[in-house]
Protein backbone atom coordinates (compact mmCIF):
# COMPACT_ATOMS: atom_id res chain seq x y z
CA MET A 1 44.40 -83.26 -3.48
CA THR A 2 42.56 -80.33 -4.10
CA PRO A 3 41.08 -77.84 -1.55
CA ARG A 4 37.57 -78.75 -0.25
CA THR A 5 34.54 -76.68 -2.25
CA GLY A 6 31.46 -75.58 -1.00
CA ARG A 7 31.09 -73.61 2.55
CA ARG A 8 34.57 -74.22 3.23
CA GLY A 9 35.89 -73.64 -0.26
CA GLN A 10 34.88 -70.47 -0.01
CA THR A 11 36.44 -70.15 3.32
CA ILE A 12 39.58 -70.99 2.11
CA PHE A 13 39.44 -68.15 -0.53
CA THR A 14 38.58 -65.66 1.73
CA VAL A 15 41.64 -66.61 3.43
CA LEU A 16 43.91 -66.81 0.45
CA GLN A 17 42.86 -63.32 -0.39
CA ARG A 18 44.12 -61.86 2.86
CA LEU A 19 47.16 -64.15 3.06
CA VAL A 20 48.55 -64.03 -0.28
CA PRO A 21 49.55 -60.37 0.26
CA LEU A 22 50.10 -60.45 3.72
CA ALA A 23 52.50 -63.24 2.85
CA ARG A 24 54.39 -61.80 0.31
CA ARG A 25 55.51 -58.49 2.38
CA VAL A 26 56.19 -60.85 5.53
CA VAL A 27 58.61 -63.50 3.46
CA TRP A 28 61.18 -61.02 2.89
CA GLY A 29 61.24 -59.69 6.74
CA VAL A 30 61.41 -63.54 7.62
CA GLY A 31 64.24 -64.67 5.36
CA ALA A 32 66.68 -61.66 6.44
CA LEU A 33 65.80 -62.61 10.12
CA ALA A 34 66.95 -66.08 9.45
CA ILE A 35 70.00 -65.26 7.82
CA ALA A 36 70.93 -62.63 10.09
CA SER A 37 70.01 -65.25 12.92
CA ALA A 38 72.19 -67.63 11.32
CA VAL A 39 75.34 -64.97 10.98
CA SER A 40 74.39 -63.84 14.66
CA ILE A 41 76.09 -67.61 15.57
CA VAL A 42 78.93 -67.05 13.18
CA VAL A 43 79.74 -63.55 14.96
CA VAL A 44 79.56 -64.38 18.37
CA VAL A 45 81.61 -67.57 17.91
CA GLY A 46 84.14 -65.77 16.14
CA VAL A 47 84.55 -63.00 18.35
CA VAL A 48 85.39 -65.20 21.21
CA VAL A 49 88.14 -67.49 19.02
CA ALA A 50 89.11 -64.35 17.52
CA HIS A 51 90.40 -63.33 21.41
CA GLY A 52 93.09 -67.14 21.41
CA TRP A 53 91.27 -70.35 20.94
CA PRO A 54 89.15 -71.33 24.60
CA SER A 55 89.80 -73.37 26.57
CA PRO A 56 88.07 -76.61 27.40
CA PRO A 57 85.77 -75.24 30.11
CA VAL A 58 84.84 -72.34 27.82
CA ALA A 59 84.42 -73.75 24.41
CA ALA A 60 82.05 -75.98 25.79
CA LEU A 61 80.05 -73.41 27.13
CA LEU A 62 80.65 -71.53 23.64
CA MET A 63 79.89 -74.71 21.78
CA ILE A 64 76.10 -74.88 24.44
CA VAL A 65 75.35 -71.34 23.62
CA ALA A 66 75.73 -71.85 19.79
CA LEU A 67 73.68 -74.91 19.94
CA PHE A 68 70.71 -73.19 22.00
CA MET A 69 71.19 -70.21 18.96
CA VAL A 70 70.89 -72.58 15.76
CA PRO A 71 66.86 -73.53 15.79
CA ALA A 72 66.05 -70.02 15.88
CA PRO A 73 66.96 -69.60 12.28
CA VAL A 74 65.58 -72.98 11.09
CA VAL A 75 62.15 -72.32 12.74
CA LEU A 76 62.42 -69.08 11.02
CA TRP A 77 63.82 -70.24 7.50
CA LEU A 78 60.60 -73.06 7.49
CA PHE A 79 58.49 -70.39 8.59
CA ARG A 80 59.58 -68.61 5.27
CA GLY A 81 58.88 -71.66 3.47
CA ALA A 82 55.47 -72.08 4.22
CA LEU A 83 55.03 -68.11 3.55
CA ARG A 84 56.76 -69.24 -0.38
CA GLU A 85 53.98 -72.06 -0.82
CA VAL A 86 50.72 -69.47 -0.03
CA ILE A 87 52.54 -67.21 -2.81
CA GLU A 88 52.83 -70.20 -5.30
CA LEU A 89 49.27 -71.52 -4.00
CA PRO A 90 47.33 -69.73 -6.09
CA GLU A 91 48.65 -71.16 -9.27
CA TRP A 92 48.60 -74.83 -7.99
CA LEU A 93 45.10 -74.21 -6.97
CA ALA A 94 43.88 -73.03 -10.80
CA ALA A 95 45.80 -76.07 -12.32
CA SER A 96 42.87 -77.78 -10.76
CA PRO A 97 39.82 -78.37 -13.35
CA ASP A 98 37.19 -78.23 -10.92
CA LEU A 99 38.29 -75.31 -8.85
CA ALA A 100 38.86 -73.36 -11.67
CA LYS A 101 35.50 -74.02 -13.00
CA GLY A 102 33.74 -72.92 -10.23
CA HIS A 103 36.14 -70.16 -8.94
CA ALA A 104 38.13 -68.69 -11.78
CA ALA A 105 37.30 -65.60 -10.91
CA GLU A 106 38.50 -65.53 -7.21
CA LEU A 107 41.46 -67.82 -8.71
CA ALA A 108 42.44 -64.69 -11.49
CA ASP A 109 42.93 -62.44 -8.67
CA LEU A 110 44.82 -64.40 -6.30
CA VAL A 111 47.88 -65.16 -9.14
CA CYS A 112 47.81 -61.49 -9.85
CA THR A 113 48.16 -60.62 -6.41
CA ALA A 114 50.89 -63.57 -6.16
CA ARG A 115 52.45 -62.64 -9.02
CA ARG A 116 52.96 -59.10 -8.36
CA PRO A 117 56.21 -57.76 -7.66
CA SER A 118 56.65 -56.51 -4.06
CA ALA A 119 59.59 -54.43 -2.26
CA PRO A 120 60.46 -54.84 0.91
CA GLY A 121 58.09 -52.53 3.14
CA ALA A 122 55.71 -51.76 0.07
CA ASP A 123 52.18 -50.94 0.73
CA ASP A 124 49.66 -53.58 -1.17
CA GLY A 125 46.91 -51.80 -1.81
CA GLY A 126 46.89 -49.15 0.64
CA ARG A 127 45.89 -51.62 3.12
CA ARG A 128 46.74 -50.77 6.90
CA ARG A 129 50.06 -52.27 8.16
CA GLY A 130 50.46 -53.72 11.29
CA GLY A 131 54.66 -53.57 10.99
CA PHE A 132 56.97 -56.91 10.52
CA VAL A 133 55.52 -58.50 14.20
CA GLY A 134 52.26 -57.87 13.48
CA ASP A 135 52.08 -58.63 9.62
CA THR A 136 54.11 -61.86 10.99
CA ALA A 137 51.28 -62.65 13.83
CA ARG A 138 48.43 -62.15 11.29
CA ALA A 139 50.03 -64.63 8.47
CA GLY A 140 50.32 -67.08 11.24
CA ARG A 141 47.08 -67.19 12.22
CA LEU A 142 45.41 -66.97 8.42
CA LEU A 143 48.63 -69.73 7.33
CA LEU A 144 46.45 -72.04 10.55
CA ALA A 145 43.20 -71.12 8.78
CA ALA A 146 44.07 -72.42 5.27
CA HIS A 147 46.46 -75.14 6.71
CA ASP A 148 42.81 -77.12 7.44
CA ASP A 149 41.71 -77.11 4.00
CA LEU A 150 45.03 -77.63 2.22
CA PRO A 151 46.28 -80.85 3.68
CA GLY A 152 47.75 -81.98 0.62
CA TYR A 153 49.72 -79.43 -0.57
CA GLY A 154 53.43 -78.20 0.23
CA ALA A 155 55.97 -79.62 2.82
CA ALA A 156 56.08 -76.53 4.50
CA LEU A 157 52.70 -75.65 4.82
CA ARG A 158 51.68 -79.01 6.43
CA LEU A 159 53.74 -78.11 9.63
CA VAL A 160 52.09 -75.15 10.23
CA SER A 161 50.64 -75.80 13.64
CA PRO A 162 50.10 -74.13 16.61
CA VAL A 163 52.98 -75.47 18.25
CA PHE A 164 55.15 -74.26 15.51
CA LEU A 165 53.07 -70.56 15.25
CA ILE A 166 53.98 -70.36 19.16
CA ALA A 167 57.88 -71.63 17.87
CA VAL A 168 57.84 -68.85 15.35
CA ALA A 169 56.88 -66.03 17.50
CA VAL A 170 59.35 -67.83 19.66
CA ALA A 171 61.98 -67.70 16.89
CA VAL A 172 61.45 -64.25 16.04
CA VAL A 173 61.83 -62.64 19.43
CA ILE A 174 65.11 -64.90 20.11
CA GLY A 175 66.26 -64.14 16.20
CA VAL A 176 66.63 -59.86 17.27
CA LEU A 177 68.32 -61.10 20.68
CA GLN A 178 70.93 -63.21 18.55
CA VAL A 179 71.09 -60.08 16.30
CA GLY A 180 71.55 -57.64 18.92
CA LEU A 181 73.79 -59.79 21.22
CA ALA A 182 76.01 -60.55 17.89
CA ALA A 183 75.79 -56.59 17.28
CA SER A 184 76.90 -55.84 21.00
CA MET A 185 79.91 -58.25 21.20
CA VAL A 186 81.16 -56.64 17.98
CA ALA A 187 81.08 -53.63 19.23
CA ALA A 188 82.57 -53.94 22.52
CA ASP A 189 85.44 -55.98 20.51
CA VAL A 190 86.04 -53.09 18.45
CA VAL A 191 86.04 -51.12 21.65
CA TYR A 192 88.55 -53.25 23.94
CA ARG A 193 90.68 -53.24 20.47
CA LEU A 194 90.77 -50.00 20.57
CA VAL A 195 91.72 -49.42 24.47
CA PHE A 196 93.84 -52.19 24.78
């Protein structure tokens, strides 16, 4: 299915011109946070188990804590997938003959922007940057705008909704807290082993 053209078609190209560079900047950070958040679950469980197998009530509590920690990396990974699809979207749009005829210049610019290598923390075109959290929030809003015009594209992009974006915002906060918890548990464990 191709995106709607006309007035709304112009809107999708405007949104994509802002979204593609932003997605390129944010996708690496979201993926890194998702992986760090997932690793933090293993670290938290590992630190507790390293002191001996816990009693059944402590083991049950540890399982509950670990289960509550699982959704954050999953949601972040799904958001990363939606951002990856946005980066690939210009080539998908360029393959549509109807769009290629009417919007060749916009599509060429989008494809070039999507293919340009981007290092983590790199600035795209001297534009003002809002940091990881600000860029992630802007990418979410732009994804929501693009989602309405691209109902037939991408499995991850179909997930994007206001509820999903709220879940992403919560997952970013929880992911950072999980990483902090794991780091503090490792530091406390090291101090404990050195002192005792």
